[in-house]
Amino acid sequence: MRMIFVHGISQEGKSEKGILDEWLAPLRATLAKQSNDPLGRLSRIEAVFYGDLLASNSSPWLKSETLAMGAEAASDDFDEFAVDALEEMATTIGVTRREIEAEAAETTVPMGSGPHKKWLKAIVRTIEKVSPLKGTIALRVLGQAHAYIRNQHVHDLVNEKVRPIFEDDEPAIIVSHSLGTIVSYALLREFARNGRPRQSPLWLTLGSPLGIDVVRKSFAKPRVRPADISRWVNAADPEDFVALRPVLAVADFGPDIENFSDVENGPENPHSIAGYLSDERIAKAIIEAIL
């Protein structure tokens, strides 16, 4: 059995080795508290890197061939896509519609801008007043998620880069983070749809944006645990703005998802992969999958 790492947003400038080093250091430290190096039982540990590829192809207003994923409410337009998600994000941190309307009244946009741009900017600015970091994170994750979900060219580029790590028929523990949970979910569904479900004793979705309405609805029903995934563990820090809905609900993704929705990654970076891999429950799940 092997282990694979699938990274998320804002990883440009790194490499497969960089991802391995960054992820394995906290994971090994946490595992050492519970077991004698269970990773030594694995045939290999691999990471995929698509950060540069995604960053160079994910301008929020990228126009290209659109992607049909059987979405319930697909929008090619980034502004419309982002407005839906940002309104949901704003609500979770206590921003009111009145506050957004007040900001919109003071917001100007260039002539000829799309019908949603003024409202989008108003939401982002209102979020930034609560937390500048949250505003930056929201646009970054939504820009890259929109590119992957809604643009056929970008979707294919990323999948061509990531798919080979899933091709091997050897069972694998899949550790995915952030946007990597969306990419992993798309590929696991693709393999199952093509009659080649990937065997995995454990799939970890850490800091996942899968619960955001516009992201979730981009996948055709049934949205359930992919075939031959024995255990799906989803973990989120309640302060992780990317994991907007820290619990992946039965109504949205089916039964048998284990949710750890109280991970504590610290105040500096609640979305940190190091924080997630330092959680002892995550380490325990990995140990159980290996042993």
Protein backbone atom coordinates (compact mmCIF):
# COMPACT_ATOMS: atom_id res chain seq x y z
CA MET A 1 0.00 0.00 0.00
CA ARG A 2 1.14 3.56 -0.73
CA MET A 3 0.17 7.10 0.29
CA ILE A 4 -0.47 10.07 -1.99
CA PHE A 5 -0.69 13.79 -1.23
CA VAL A 6 -2.89 16.14 -3.27
CA HIS A 7 -2.30 19.81 -2.40
CA GLY A 8 -4.61 22.80 -2.69
CA ILE A 9 -4.52 26.55 -3.34
CA SER A 10 -1.57 28.95 -3.29
CA GLN A 11 1.15 26.37 -3.83
CA GLU A 12 2.80 27.99 -6.84
CA GLY A 13 6.58 28.01 -6.80
CA LYS A 14 6.84 24.71 -4.93
CA SER A 15 7.49 21.16 -6.19
CA GLU A 16 6.63 17.53 -5.49
CA LYS A 17 9.60 17.32 -3.13
CA GLY A 18 8.60 20.54 -1.43
CA ILE A 19 5.08 19.22 -0.80
CA LEU A 20 6.46 15.93 0.55
CA ASP A 21 8.84 17.69 2.92
CA GLU A 22 6.22 20.18 4.11
CA TRP A 23 3.57 17.53 4.78
CA LEU A 24 5.71 14.71 6.13
CA ALA A 25 7.45 16.72 8.85
CA PRO A 26 4.31 17.45 10.93
CA LEU A 27 2.76 14.10 10.09
CA ARG A 28 5.78 12.10 11.25
CA ALA A 29 5.97 14.16 14.45
CA THR A 30 2.31 13.42 15.24
CA LEU A 31 2.55 9.76 14.30
CA ALA A 32 5.59 9.34 16.54
CA LYS A 33 3.42 10.11 19.55
CA GLN A 34 1.21 7.11 18.82
CA SER A 35 3.16 4.51 16.87
CA ASN A 36 6.57 3.31 15.77
CA ASP A 37 6.91 4.80 12.29
CA PRO A 38 3.93 3.16 10.55
CA LEU A 39 4.89 4.96 7.34
CA GLY A 40 7.75 2.49 6.99
CA ARG A 41 5.18 -0.17 6.12
CA LEU A 42 4.11 1.71 2.99
CA SER A 43 5.61 0.87 -0.38
CA ARG A 44 6.08 4.58 -1.12
CA ILE A 45 4.76 8.07 -0.42
CA GLU A 46 4.12 10.35 -3.39
CA ALA A 47 3.02 13.92 -3.95
CA VAL A 48 1.58 15.52 -7.04
CA PHE A 49 2.31 19.15 -7.88
CA TYR A 50 0.08 21.27 -10.09
CA GLY A 51 0.38 24.62 -8.30
CA ASP A 52 2.21 26.53 -11.04
CA LEU A 53 -0.06 25.13 -13.72
CA LEU A 54 -3.20 26.15 -11.85
CA ALA A 55 -1.93 29.59 -10.86
CA SER A 56 -1.02 30.49 -14.44
CA ASN A 57 -4.43 29.37 -15.71
CA SER A 58 -6.82 30.61 -13.04
CA SER A 59 -7.46 34.29 -13.60
CA PRO A 60 -10.93 34.84 -12.08
CA TRP A 61 -12.19 36.27 -15.36
CA LEU A 62 -10.66 33.63 -17.63
CA LYS A 63 -12.82 33.02 -20.68
CA SER A 64 -12.63 29.68 -22.44
CA GLU A 65 -14.63 26.57 -23.24
CA THR A 66 -16.98 25.84 -20.36
CA LEU A 67 -17.19 22.58 -18.51
CA ALA A 68 -20.34 20.50 -18.18
CA MET A 69 -20.15 18.45 -14.98
CA GLY A 70 -23.85 17.87 -14.62
CA ALA A 71 -24.05 20.87 -12.35
CA GLU A 72 -27.33 21.82 -10.74
CA ALA A 73 -26.74 25.53 -11.19
CA ALA A 74 -23.61 26.03 -13.26
CA SER A 75 -22.43 29.49 -14.17
CA ASP A 76 -19.51 30.14 -16.50
CA ASP A 77 -19.20 33.71 -15.27
CA PHE A 78 -16.80 34.12 -12.34
CA ASP A 79 -18.75 37.08 -10.97
CA GLU A 80 -21.97 35.09 -10.65
CA PHE A 81 -20.13 32.04 -9.30
CA ALA A 82 -18.28 34.14 -6.73
CA VAL A 83 -21.31 36.17 -5.63
CA ASP A 84 -23.14 33.00 -4.62
CA ALA A 85 -20.17 31.71 -2.64
CA LEU A 86 -19.22 35.06 -1.12
CA GLU A 87 -22.74 35.70 0.12
CA GLU A 88 -22.59 32.33 1.86
CA MET A 89 -19.16 33.15 3.28
CA ALA A 90 -20.24 36.58 4.47
CA THR A 91 -23.24 35.13 6.30
CA THR A 92 -21.04 32.66 8.21
CA ILE A 93 -18.93 35.47 9.68
CA GLY A 94 -21.92 37.62 10.61
CA VAL A 95 -21.94 40.14 7.76
CA THR A 96 -25.46 41.45 7.13
CA ARG A 97 -27.09 42.30 3.83
CA ARG A 98 -27.50 45.88 5.07
CA GLU A 99 -23.73 46.16 5.52
CA ILE A 100 -23.16 44.87 1.98
CA GLU A 101 -25.76 47.27 0.58
CA ALA A 102 -24.05 50.17 2.36
CA GLU A 103 -20.73 49.17 0.84
CA ALA A 104 -22.32 48.76 -2.59
CA ALA A 105 -23.65 52.32 -2.41
CA GLU A 106 -20.05 53.54 -2.17
CA THR A 107 -18.62 51.11 -4.72
CA THR A 108 -17.90 52.20 -8.27
CA VAL A 109 -17.10 49.92 -11.18
CA PRO A 110 -15.89 50.67 -14.72
CA MET A 111 -18.47 51.30 -17.39
CA GLY A 112 -19.44 48.10 -19.13
CA SER A 113 -18.70 45.84 -16.19
CA GLY A 114 -20.90 42.81 -15.71
CA PRO A 115 -24.14 43.09 -13.73
CA HIS A 116 -22.70 41.27 -10.69
CA LYS A 117 -19.36 43.05 -10.39
CA LYS A 118 -20.49 45.91 -8.14
CA TRP A 119 -22.20 43.52 -5.70
CA LEU A 120 -19.21 41.16 -5.78
CA LYS A 121 -16.79 43.95 -4.91
CA ALA A 122 -19.09 45.18 -2.16
CA ILE A 123 -19.20 41.71 -0.55
CA VAL A 124 -15.43 41.31 -0.74
CA ARG A 125 -14.85 44.75 0.80
CA THR A 126 -17.33 44.05 3.56
CA ILE A 127 -15.63 40.73 4.34
CA GLU A 128 -12.24 42.48 4.30
CA LYS A 129 -13.49 44.95 6.91
CA VAL A 130 -14.08 42.00 9.21
CA SER A 131 -10.87 40.25 8.16
CA PRO A 132 -8.50 41.33 5.34
CA LEU A 133 -7.09 37.82 5.28
CA LYS A 134 -10.52 36.27 4.72
CA GLY A 135 -11.16 38.54 1.76
CA THR A 136 -7.87 37.57 0.15
CA ILE A 137 -8.40 33.87 0.82
CA ALA A 138 -11.95 33.97 -0.52
CA LEU A 139 -10.96 35.42 -3.88
CA ARG A 140 -7.95 33.12 -4.21
CA VAL A 141 -9.83 29.89 -3.51
CA LEU A 142 -12.84 30.93 -5.57
CA GLY A 143 -10.68 31.99 -8.50
CA GLN A 144 -8.84 28.69 -8.59
CA ALA A 145 -11.96 26.62 -7.85
CA HIS A 146 -13.90 28.42 -10.58
CA ALA A 147 -11.11 27.81 -13.09
CA TYR A 148 -11.00 24.09 -12.28
CA ILE A 149 -14.75 23.52 -12.02
CA ARG A 150 -16.03 25.74 -14.80
CA ASN A 151 -13.31 25.83 -17.47
CA GLN A 152 -12.79 22.70 -19.56
CA HIS A 153 -9.26 23.66 -20.60
CA VAL A 154 -8.07 24.25 -17.04
CA HIS A 155 -9.94 21.19 -15.76
CA ASP A 156 -8.21 18.99 -18.33
CA LEU A 157 -4.78 20.51 -17.71
CA VAL A 158 -4.98 19.88 -13.97
CA ASN A 159 -6.45 16.39 -14.35
CA GLU A 160 -3.76 15.41 -16.84
CA LYS A 161 -1.18 16.44 -14.25
CA VAL A 162 -2.85 14.74 -11.27
CA ARG A 163 -4.45 11.67 -12.88
CA PRO A 164 -1.20 9.62 -13.21
CA ILE A 165 -0.79 9.46 -9.43
CA PHE A 166 -4.21 7.78 -9.27
CA GLU A 167 -3.55 5.41 -12.20
CA ASP A 168 -1.55 2.85 -10.22
CA ASP A 169 -3.84 0.03 -9.10
CA GLU A 170 -1.99 -0.38 -5.81
CA PRO A 171 -4.32 0.70 -2.96
CA ALA A 172 -3.49 4.13 -1.59
CA ILE A 173 -4.20 6.29 1.43
CA ILE A 174 -5.26 9.59 -0.14
CA VAL A 175 -4.46 12.76 1.79
CA SER A 176 -6.02 15.80 0.11
CA HIS A 177 -6.11 19.42 1.23
CA SER A 178 -8.08 22.49 0.20
CA LEU A 179 -8.73 22.59 -3.56
CA GLY A 180 -7.00 19.20 -3.73
CA THR A 181 -10.13 17.69 -2.17
CA ILE A 182 -12.16 18.92 -5.17
CA VAL A 183 -9.61 17.57 -7.65
CA SER A 184 -9.46 14.24 -5.81
CA TYR A 185 -13.24 13.95 -5.68
CA ALA A 186 -13.53 14.68 -9.40
CA LEU A 187 -10.90 12.07 -10.31
CA LEU A 188 -12.22 9.41 -7.93
CA ARG A 189 -15.65 9.83 -9.50
CA GLU A 190 -14.14 9.69 -12.97
CA PHE A 191 -12.30 6.42 -12.29
CA ALA A 192 -15.42 4.88 -10.76
CA ARG A 193 -17.55 6.03 -13.69
CA ASN A 194 -15.09 4.40 -16.08
CA GLY A 195 -15.26 1.07 -14.26
CA ARG A 196 -11.90 1.46 -12.51
CA PRO A 197 -12.70 2.57 -8.96
CA ARG A 198 -9.60 3.35 -6.94
CA GLN A 199 -9.06 1.21 -3.86
CA SER A 200 -8.31 3.19 -0.74
CA PRO A 201 -8.60 2.25 2.93
CA LEU A 202 -8.71 5.97 3.80
CA TRP A 203 -9.45 9.23 2.03
CA LEU A 204 -8.74 12.38 4.05
CA THR A 205 -10.30 15.68 3.00
CA LEU A 206 -8.64 18.43 5.04
CA GLY A 207 -9.78 22.06 4.98
CA SER A 208 -12.13 21.21 2.14
CA PRO A 209 -14.31 23.68 0.19
CA LEU A 210 -16.54 20.83 -1.03
CA GLY A 211 -19.33 22.02 1.26
CA ILE A 212 -19.62 25.47 -0.37
CA ASP A 213 -22.93 25.47 -2.24
CA VAL A 214 -21.62 26.46 -5.67
CA VAL A 215 -18.80 23.93 -5.38
CA ARG A 216 -20.98 21.07 -4.18
CA LYS A 217 -23.61 21.71 -6.83
CA SER A 218 -20.96 21.55 -9.53
CA PHE A 219 -20.96 17.77 -9.14
CA ALA A 220 -23.84 15.76 -10.52
CA LYS A 221 -25.89 13.66 -8.15
CA PRO A 222 -25.51 11.19 -6.60
CA ARG A 223 -22.83 12.90 -4.54
CA VAL A 224 -21.67 10.09 -2.28
CA ARG A 225 -18.47 8.46 -1.12
CA PRO A 226 -16.67 7.21 -4.24
CA ALA A 227 -16.69 3.48 -4.87
CA ASP A 228 -14.02 1.39 -3.10
CA ILE A 229 -13.12 4.17 -0.66
CA SER A 230 -13.38 2.25 2.60
CA ARG A 231 -13.28 5.25 4.91
CA TRP A 232 -13.81 8.97 4.28
CA VAL A 233 -12.63 11.32 7.03
CA ASN A 234 -13.28 15.03 6.62
CA ALA A 235 -11.55 17.46 8.97
CA ALA A 236 -11.92 21.21 9.40
CA ASP A 237 -10.88 23.97 11.74
CA PRO A 238 -14.04 26.03 12.48
CA GLU A 239 -11.99 29.16 11.69
CA ASP A 240 -10.82 27.80 8.33
CA PHE A 241 -12.51 30.11 5.84
CA VAL A 242 -11.88 27.72 2.93
CA ALA A 243 -13.74 24.94 4.74
CA LEU A 244 -16.82 27.13 4.88
CA ARG A 245 -19.04 24.23 5.93
CA PRO A 246 -16.80 22.20 8.27
CA VAL A 247 -19.25 19.27 8.27
CA LEU A 248 -19.98 17.48 4.99
CA ALA A 249 -23.61 16.61 5.62
CA VAL A 250 -25.44 13.38 4.81
CA ALA A 251 -27.96 15.36 2.75
CA ASP A 252 -25.13 16.69 0.58
CA PHE A 253 -22.64 13.82 0.27
CA GLY A 254 -24.38 10.76 1.65
CA PRO A 255 -23.80 8.74 4.81
CA ASP A 256 -20.64 7.34 6.34
CA ILE A 257 -18.46 10.44 6.29
CA GLU A 258 -16.58 10.94 9.55
CA ASN A 259 -16.38 14.67 10.31
CA PHE A 260 -13.80 16.14 12.66
CA SER A 261 -15.14 19.69 12.68
CA ASP A 262 -13.24 20.98 15.69
CA VAL A 263 -9.61 20.82 14.54
CA GLU A 264 -7.51 23.53 16.17
CA ASN A 265 -4.84 24.87 13.81
CA GLY A 266 -4.11 28.04 15.76
CA PRO A 267 -5.03 31.65 14.93
CA GLU A 268 -2.28 32.47 12.44
CA ASN A 269 -3.35 30.10 9.65
CA PRO A 270 -6.43 27.98 10.32
CA HIS A 271 -6.10 26.55 6.79
CA SER A 272 -2.58 25.25 7.43
CA ILE A 273 -1.86 21.72 6.22
CA ALA A 274 0.70 21.42 9.01
CA GLY A 275 -2.06 22.07 11.53
CA TYR A 276 -4.31 19.40 10.06
CA LEU A 277 -1.52 16.82 9.95
CA SER A 278 -0.69 17.61 13.58
CA ASP A 279 -4.15 16.54 14.75
CA GLU A 280 -3.88 13.24 16.62
CA ARG A 281 -7.18 11.94 15.23
CA ILE A 282 -5.86 12.34 11.70
CA ALA A 283 -2.70 10.47 12.67
CA LYS A 284 -4.77 7.73 14.32
CA ALA A 285 -6.88 7.29 11.17
CA ILE A 286 -3.70 6.90 9.11
CA ILE A 287 -2.26 4.38 11.54
CA GLU A 288 -5.47 2.36 11.43
CA ALA A 289 -5.46 2.38 7.63
CA ILE A 290 -1.87 1.15 7.49
CA LEU A 291 -2.17 -1.49 10.18
